[in-house]
Protein backbone atom coordinates (compact mmCIF):
# COMPACT_ATOMS: atom_id res chain seq x y z
CA MET A 1 0.00 0.05 -0.01
CA ALA A 2 3.01 2.22 0.13
CA GLU A 3 2.85 3.21 -3.51
CA TRP A 4 -0.58 4.78 -3.03
CA SER A 5 1.08 7.68 -1.06
CA LYS A 6 3.27 8.34 -4.02
CA ALA A 7 0.61 8.06 -6.65
CA PRO A 8 0.86 10.46 -9.52
CA ASP A 9 -2.83 11.30 -9.29
CA SER A 10 -2.47 12.46 -5.73
CA SER A 11 -3.41 16.01 -6.92
CA SER A 12 -7.12 14.72 -7.07
CA GLY A 13 -7.02 14.30 -3.39
CA PRO A 14 -7.29 11.41 -1.00
CA LEU A 15 -11.11 11.13 -1.85
CA THR A 16 -10.20 9.50 -5.22
CA ARG A 17 -7.85 7.06 -3.51
CA ALA A 18 -10.42 6.27 -0.85
CA TRP A 19 -12.91 5.33 -3.63
CA VAL A 20 -10.35 2.75 -4.72
CA GLN A 21 -9.04 1.60 -1.34
CA ILE A 22 -12.36 1.15 0.51
CA PRO A 23 -13.85 -1.30 -2.05
CA LEU A 24 -10.58 -3.30 -1.89
CA LEU A 25 -10.78 -3.38 1.82
CA THR A 26 -14.41 -4.53 1.86
CA ILE A 27 -13.52 -7.24 -0.66
CA HIS A 28 -10.57 -8.44 1.54
CA VAL A 29 -12.91 -8.51 4.51
CA PHE A 30 -15.55 -10.41 2.51
CA TYR A 31 -13.07 -13.07 1.44
CA PHE A 32 -11.67 -13.37 4.99
CA PHE A 33 -15.07 -14.24 6.44
CA TYR A 34 -15.92 -16.44 3.44
CA PHE A 35 -13.01 -18.69 3.91
CA LEU A 36 -13.35 -18.41 7.73
CA TYR A 37 -16.89 -19.93 7.58
CA SER A 38 -16.74 -22.13 4.67
C-alpha cells in the first residue's frame, strides 16, 4: 500500500484514492469471512 502515497494522481485528493481503497478493503474482509466460515 506504500505506492498509494506516491501515486501520480495524488493531486485529485485522498477522496479519489478512498474510492479505490475502501472497495478493496471490503473485498478482502468479505473473502476473509468467506474462507473463515466455509
